[in-house]
Amino acid sequence: MLQIEKATTEDASIIHKLAHQIYYPTYLGILSQEQMDFMLEKSYTVSALQESMRTDQDFYIAYDQQSPIGFIALKSKNATILRIEKLYLLPQTQGKGFGSQLIDFAKNKATIRNKSIVELNVNRGNNAYYFYLKVGFKVVQEVDIPYFGYILDDYVMQVQL
């Protein structure tokens, strides 16, 4: 059974380590090495993670038998939408139902916060897209987001609660 615990700023090093174990296998063949390195440096340093925690995102670490295996970050977008800003699991733990448990966790948090929609962005080349379809998300928009000289080519996906 997955345990999900709210991360503190002291836990940022755990998320940093997980991100470095997850990011490369996830985006190999989708993003360039240069872009993967840049994204990790921009968003997943301990200080960047701590800043996100302090300003606008709630991070949670997923544990399987006391071992950290992934994380999710949530953010209120507006009165009706809770966004999943990040959702990552170690490659060797994928396909075991943990992702669905993290989605259910996000839906529960949305309900508690009186939100009616859970939203996320997923890279159009990321296989996680098919997982999100399977758990009920629908594409509401295709976006190309300029990001420090890169283009984030994403689907915006939502599920109604």
C-alpha atoms as a PDB file:
ATOM      1  CA  MET A   1       0.000   0.000   0.000  1.00  0.00           C
ATOM      2  CA  LEU A   2       1.297   3.400  -0.987  1.00  0.00           C
ATOM      3  CA  GLN A   3       1.900   5.931   1.765  1.00  0.00           C
ATOM      4  CA  ILE A   4       1.711   9.575   0.759  1.00  0.00           C
ATOM      5  CA  GLU A   5       3.178  12.170   3.095  1.00  0.00           C
ATOM      6  CA  LYS A   6       3.314  15.952   2.792  1.00  0.00           C
ATOM      7  CA  ALA A   7       6.860  17.057   2.072  1.00  0.00           C
ATOM      8  CA  THR A   8       8.559  19.760   4.091  1.00  0.00           C
ATOM      9  CA  THR A   9      11.374  21.984   2.885  1.00  0.00           C
ATOM     10  CA  GLU A  10      13.746  19.539   4.620  1.00  0.00           C
ATOM     11  CA  ASP A  11      12.405  16.803   2.295  1.00  0.00           C
ATOM     12  CA  ALA A  12      13.420  18.733  -0.834  1.00  0.00           C
ATOM     13  CA  SER A  13      16.625  16.672  -1.061  1.00  0.00           C
ATOM     14  CA  ILE A  14      14.537  13.471  -1.336  1.00  0.00           C
ATOM     15  CA  ILE A  15      12.526  14.957  -4.219  1.00  0.00           C
ATOM     16  CA  HIS A  16      15.738  16.248  -5.824  1.00  0.00           C
ATOM     17  CA  LYS A  17      17.212  12.740  -5.750  1.00  0.00           C
ATOM     18  CA  LEU A  18      14.017  11.131  -7.073  1.00  0.00           C
ATOM     19  CA  ALA A  19      13.775  13.684  -9.896  1.00  0.00           C
ATOM     20  CA  HIS A  20      17.293  12.839 -11.042  1.00  0.00           C
ATOM     21  CA  GLN A  21      16.461   9.105 -11.019  1.00  0.00           C
ATOM     22  CA  ILE A  22      13.178   9.590 -12.890  1.00  0.00           C
ATOM     23  CA  TYR A  23      13.665  12.468 -15.318  1.00  0.00           C
ATOM     24  CA  TYR A  24      16.195  10.955 -17.722  1.00  0.00           C
ATOM     25  CA  PRO A  25      14.407   7.624 -18.302  1.00  0.00           C
ATOM     26  CA  THR A  26      11.087   9.468 -18.630  1.00  0.00           C
ATOM     27  CA  TYR A  27      12.213  11.979 -21.236  1.00  0.00           C
ATOM     28  CA  LEU A  28      14.875   9.995 -23.137  1.00  0.00           C
ATOM     29  CA  GLY A  29      13.982  10.278 -26.808  1.00  0.00           C
ATOM     30  CA  ILE A  30      11.508  13.110 -26.104  1.00  0.00           C
ATOM     31  CA  LEU A  31      13.775  15.919 -24.904  1.00  0.00           C
ATOM     32  CA  SER A  32      17.411  16.602 -25.687  1.00  0.00           C
ATOM     33  CA  GLN A  33      20.045  15.867 -23.043  1.00  0.00           C
ATOM     34  CA  GLU A  34      20.640  19.611 -22.871  1.00  0.00           C
ATOM     35  CA  GLN A  35      16.963  20.337 -22.176  1.00  0.00           C
ATOM     36  CA  MET A  36      16.712  17.582 -19.539  1.00  0.00           C
ATOM     37  CA  ASP A  37      19.786  18.952 -17.774  1.00  0.00           C
ATOM     38  CA  PHE A  38      18.360  22.477 -17.941  1.00  0.00           C
ATOM     39  CA  MET A  39      14.939  21.459 -16.605  1.00  0.00           C
ATOM     40  CA  LEU A  40      16.471  19.570 -13.691  1.00  0.00           C
ATOM     41  CA  GLU A  41      18.696  22.543 -12.886  1.00  0.00           C
ATOM     42  CA  LYS A  42      15.809  25.013 -13.190  1.00  0.00           C
ATOM     43  CA  SER A  43      13.090  23.166 -11.265  1.00  0.00           C
ATOM     44  CA  TYR A  44      14.632  20.366  -9.232  1.00  0.00           C
ATOM     45  CA  THR A  45      17.547  21.770  -7.290  1.00  0.00           C
ATOM     46  CA  VAL A  46      16.945  21.646  -3.543  1.00  0.00           C
ATOM     47  CA  SER A  47      16.635  25.439  -3.435  1.00  0.00           C
ATOM     48  CA  ALA A  48      14.210  25.575  -6.408  1.00  0.00           C
ATOM     49  CA  LEU A  49      12.040  22.885  -4.832  1.00  0.00           C
ATOM     50  CA  GLN A  50      12.053  24.693  -1.483  1.00  0.00           C
ATOM     51  CA  GLU A  51      11.065  27.941  -3.202  1.00  0.00           C
ATOM     52  CA  SER A  52       8.135  26.188  -4.944  1.00  0.00           C
ATOM     53  CA  MET A  53       7.064  24.732  -1.593  1.00  0.00           C
ATOM     54  CA  ARG A  54       7.199  28.142   0.057  1.00  0.00           C
ATOM     55  CA  THR A  55       5.366  30.010  -2.687  1.00  0.00           C
ATOM     56  CA  ASP A  56       2.684  27.985  -4.429  1.00  0.00           C
ATOM     57  CA  GLN A  57       2.962  24.195  -4.518  1.00  0.00           C
ATOM     58  CA  ASP A  58       2.188  21.464  -2.020  1.00  0.00           C
ATOM     59  CA  PHE A  59       4.573  18.541  -2.496  1.00  0.00           C
ATOM     60  CA  TYR A  60       3.862  15.012  -1.335  1.00  0.00           C
ATOM     61  CA  ILE A  61       6.248  12.073  -1.367  1.00  0.00           C
ATOM     62  CA  ALA A  62       5.003   8.583  -2.184  1.00  0.00           C
ATOM     63  CA  TYR A  63       6.513   5.747  -0.163  1.00  0.00           C
ATOM     64  CA  ASP A  64       6.340   2.016  -0.774  1.00  0.00           C
ATOM     65  CA  GLN A  65       7.466   0.077   2.306  1.00  0.00           C
ATOM     66  CA  GLN A  66       9.182   3.186   3.721  1.00  0.00           C
ATOM     67  CA  SER A  67      11.168   3.791   0.508  1.00  0.00           C
ATOM     68  CA  PRO A  68      10.477   6.985  -1.446  1.00  0.00           C
ATOM     69  CA  ILE A  69       9.352   6.017  -4.956  1.00  0.00           C
ATOM     70  CA  GLY A  70       7.849   9.213  -6.350  1.00  0.00           C
ATOM     71  CA  PHE A  71       6.223  12.543  -5.728  1.00  0.00           C
ATOM     72  CA  ILE A  72       3.316  14.757  -6.668  1.00  0.00           C
ATOM     73  CA  ALA A  73       2.980  18.539  -6.466  1.00  0.00           C
ATOM     74  CA  LEU A  74      -0.415  20.248  -6.305  1.00  0.00           C
ATOM     75  CA  LYS A  75      -1.398  23.876  -6.829  1.00  0.00           C
ATOM     76  CA  SER A  76      -4.696  25.732  -6.773  1.00  0.00           C
ATOM     77  CA  LYS A  77      -5.188  27.352 -10.182  1.00  0.00           C
ATOM     78  CA  ASN A  78      -8.482  29.070  -9.407  1.00  0.00           C
ATOM     79  CA  ALA A  79     -11.769  28.519  -7.565  1.00  0.00           C
ATOM     80  CA  THR A  80     -12.617  25.350  -9.497  1.00  0.00           C
ATOM     81  CA  ILE A  81      -9.300  23.807 -10.651  1.00  0.00           C
ATOM     82  CA  LEU A  82      -6.604  21.970  -8.717  1.00  0.00           C
ATOM     83  CA  ARG A  83      -3.508  21.433 -10.846  1.00  0.00           C
ATOM     84  CA  ILE A  84      -1.117  18.539 -10.671  1.00  0.00           C
ATOM     85  CA  GLU A  85       2.115  20.410 -11.374  1.00  0.00           C
ATOM     86  CA  LYS A  86       4.356  17.346 -11.061  1.00  0.00           C
ATOM     87  CA  LEU A  87       3.710  13.614 -10.827  1.00  0.00           C
ATOM     88  CA  TYR A  88       6.647  11.236 -11.117  1.00  0.00           C
ATOM     89  CA  LEU A  89       7.333   7.640 -10.110  1.00  0.00           C
ATOM     90  CA  LEU A  90      10.556   5.645 -10.347  1.00  0.00           C
ATOM     91  CA  PRO A  91      10.491   3.662 -13.616  1.00  0.00           C
ATOM     92  CA  GLN A  92      10.697   0.299 -11.821  1.00  0.00           C
ATOM     93  CA  THR A  93       7.561   1.125  -9.797  1.00  0.00           C
ATOM     94  CA  GLN A  94       5.389   2.108 -12.763  1.00  0.00           C
ATOM     95  CA  GLY A  95       2.538  -0.180 -13.764  1.00  0.00           C
ATOM     96  CA  LYS A  96       1.839  -1.269 -10.186  1.00  0.00           C
ATOM     97  CA  GLY A  97      -1.136   0.993  -9.470  1.00  0.00           C
ATOM     98  CA  PHE A  98       0.839   3.677  -7.642  1.00  0.00           C
ATOM     99  CA  GLY A  99       0.097   6.313 -10.289  1.00  0.00           C
ATOM    100  CA  SER A 100      -3.634   5.664  -9.961  1.00  0.00           C
ATOM    101  CA  GLN A 101      -3.307   6.024  -6.194  1.00  0.00           C
ATOM    102  CA  LEU A 102      -1.569   9.389  -6.649  1.00  0.00           C
ATOM    103  CA  ILE A 103      -4.343  10.524  -9.023  1.00  0.00           C
ATOM    104  CA  ASP A 104      -6.962   9.433  -6.470  1.00  0.00           C
ATOM    105  CA  PHE A 105      -5.019  11.345  -3.818  1.00  0.00           C
ATOM    106  CA  ALA A 106      -5.117  14.497  -5.991  1.00  0.00           C
ATOM    107  CA  LYS A 107      -8.844  14.054  -6.626  1.00  0.00           C
ATOM    108  CA  ASN A 108      -9.436  13.707  -2.891  1.00  0.00           C
ATOM    109  CA  LYS A 109      -7.429  16.879  -2.194  1.00  0.00           C
ATOM    110  CA  ALA A 110      -9.479  18.686  -4.875  1.00  0.00           C
ATOM    111  CA  THR A 111     -12.720  17.563  -3.242  1.00  0.00           C
ATOM    112  CA  ILE A 112     -11.521  18.695   0.195  1.00  0.00           C
ATOM    113  CA  ARG A 113     -10.663  22.095  -1.336  1.00  0.00           C
ATOM    114  CA  ASN A 114     -14.085  22.315  -3.056  1.00  0.00           C
ATOM    115  CA  LYS A 115     -12.597  22.061  -6.548  1.00  0.00           C
ATOM    116  CA  SER A 116     -14.517  20.349  -9.352  1.00  0.00           C
ATOM    117  CA  ILE A 117     -11.665  19.784 -11.821  1.00  0.00           C
ATOM    118  CA  VAL A 118      -8.184  18.287 -11.613  1.00  0.00           C
ATOM    119  CA  GLU A 119      -5.867  19.525 -14.368  1.00  0.00           C
ATOM    120  CA  LEU A 120      -2.357  18.711 -15.545  1.00  0.00           C
ATOM    121  CA  ASN A 121      -0.020  19.215 -18.458  1.00  0.00           C
ATOM    122  CA  VAL A 122       1.754  16.291 -20.076  1.00  0.00           C
ATOM    123  CA  ASN A 123       4.372  16.411 -22.815  1.00  0.00           C
ATOM    124  CA  ARG A 124       2.773  15.228 -26.056  1.00  0.00           C
ATOM    125  CA  GLY A 125       5.532  12.631 -26.468  1.00  0.00           C
ATOM    126  CA  ASN A 126       5.294  11.248 -22.927  1.00  0.00           C
ATOM    127  CA  ASN A 127       3.751   7.774 -22.568  1.00  0.00           C
ATOM    128  CA  ALA A 128       2.116   9.001 -19.349  1.00  0.00           C
ATOM    129  CA  TYR A 129      -0.458  10.584 -21.694  1.00  0.00           C
ATOM    130  CA  TYR A 130      -2.014   7.130 -22.218  1.00  0.00           C
ATOM    131  CA  PHE A 131      -2.083   6.514 -18.474  1.00  0.00           C
ATOM    132  CA  TYR A 132      -3.924   9.799 -17.898  1.00  0.00           C
ATOM    133  CA  LEU A 133      -6.504   8.869 -20.561  1.00  0.00           C
ATOM    134  CA  LYS A 134      -6.980   5.502 -18.831  1.00  0.00           C
ATOM    135  CA  VAL A 135      -7.716   7.149 -15.469  1.00  0.00           C
ATOM    136  CA  GLY A 136     -10.314   9.497 -16.950  1.00  0.00           C
ATOM    137  CA  PHE A 137      -8.478  12.630 -18.076  1.00  0.00           C
ATOM    138  CA  LYS A 138      -9.425  14.268 -21.366  1.00  0.00           C
ATOM    139  CA  VAL A 139      -7.394  16.625 -23.531  1.00  0.00           C
ATOM    140  CA  VAL A 140      -8.854  20.131 -23.339  1.00  0.00           C
ATOM    141  CA  GLN A 141      -6.050  21.974 -25.148  1.00  0.00           C
ATOM    142  CA  GLU A 142      -2.771  21.521 -27.016  1.00  0.00           C
ATOM    143  CA  VAL A 143      -0.219  24.138 -26.006  1.00  0.00           C
ATOM    144  CA  ASP A 144       3.275  25.147 -27.063  1.00  0.00           C
ATOM    145  CA  ILE A 145       4.755  27.037 -24.122  1.00  0.00           C
ATOM    146  CA  PRO A 146       7.962  29.048 -24.651  1.00  0.00           C
ATOM    147  CA  TYR A 147      10.279  28.261 -21.736  1.00  0.00           C
ATOM    148  CA  PHE A 148      13.775  29.766 -21.559  1.00  0.00           C
ATOM    149  CA  GLY A 149      14.528  29.103 -25.218  1.00  0.00           C
ATOM    150  CA  TYR A 150      12.748  25.735 -25.284  1.00  0.00           C
ATOM    151  CA  ILE A 151       9.211  24.892 -26.313  1.00  0.00           C
ATOM    152  CA  LEU A 152       7.121  22.763 -23.958  1.00  0.00           C
ATOM    153  CA  ASP A 153       4.735  20.933 -26.303  1.00  0.00           C
ATOM    154  CA  ASP A 154       2.027  19.723 -23.963  1.00  0.00           C
ATOM    155  CA  TYR A 155      -1.506  18.518 -23.738  1.00  0.00           C
ATOM    156  CA  VAL A 156      -3.567  20.204 -21.048  1.00  0.00           C
ATOM    157  CA  MET A 157      -5.734  17.446 -19.595  1.00  0.00           C
ATOM    158  CA  GLN A 158      -8.590  17.618 -17.119  1.00  0.00           C
ATOM    159  CA  VAL A 159     -10.874  15.279 -15.253  1.00  0.00           C
ATOM    160  CA  GLN A 160     -14.187  16.437 -13.828  1.00  0.00           C
ATOM    161  CA  LEU A 161     -14.990  15.315 -10.308  1.00  0.00           C
END
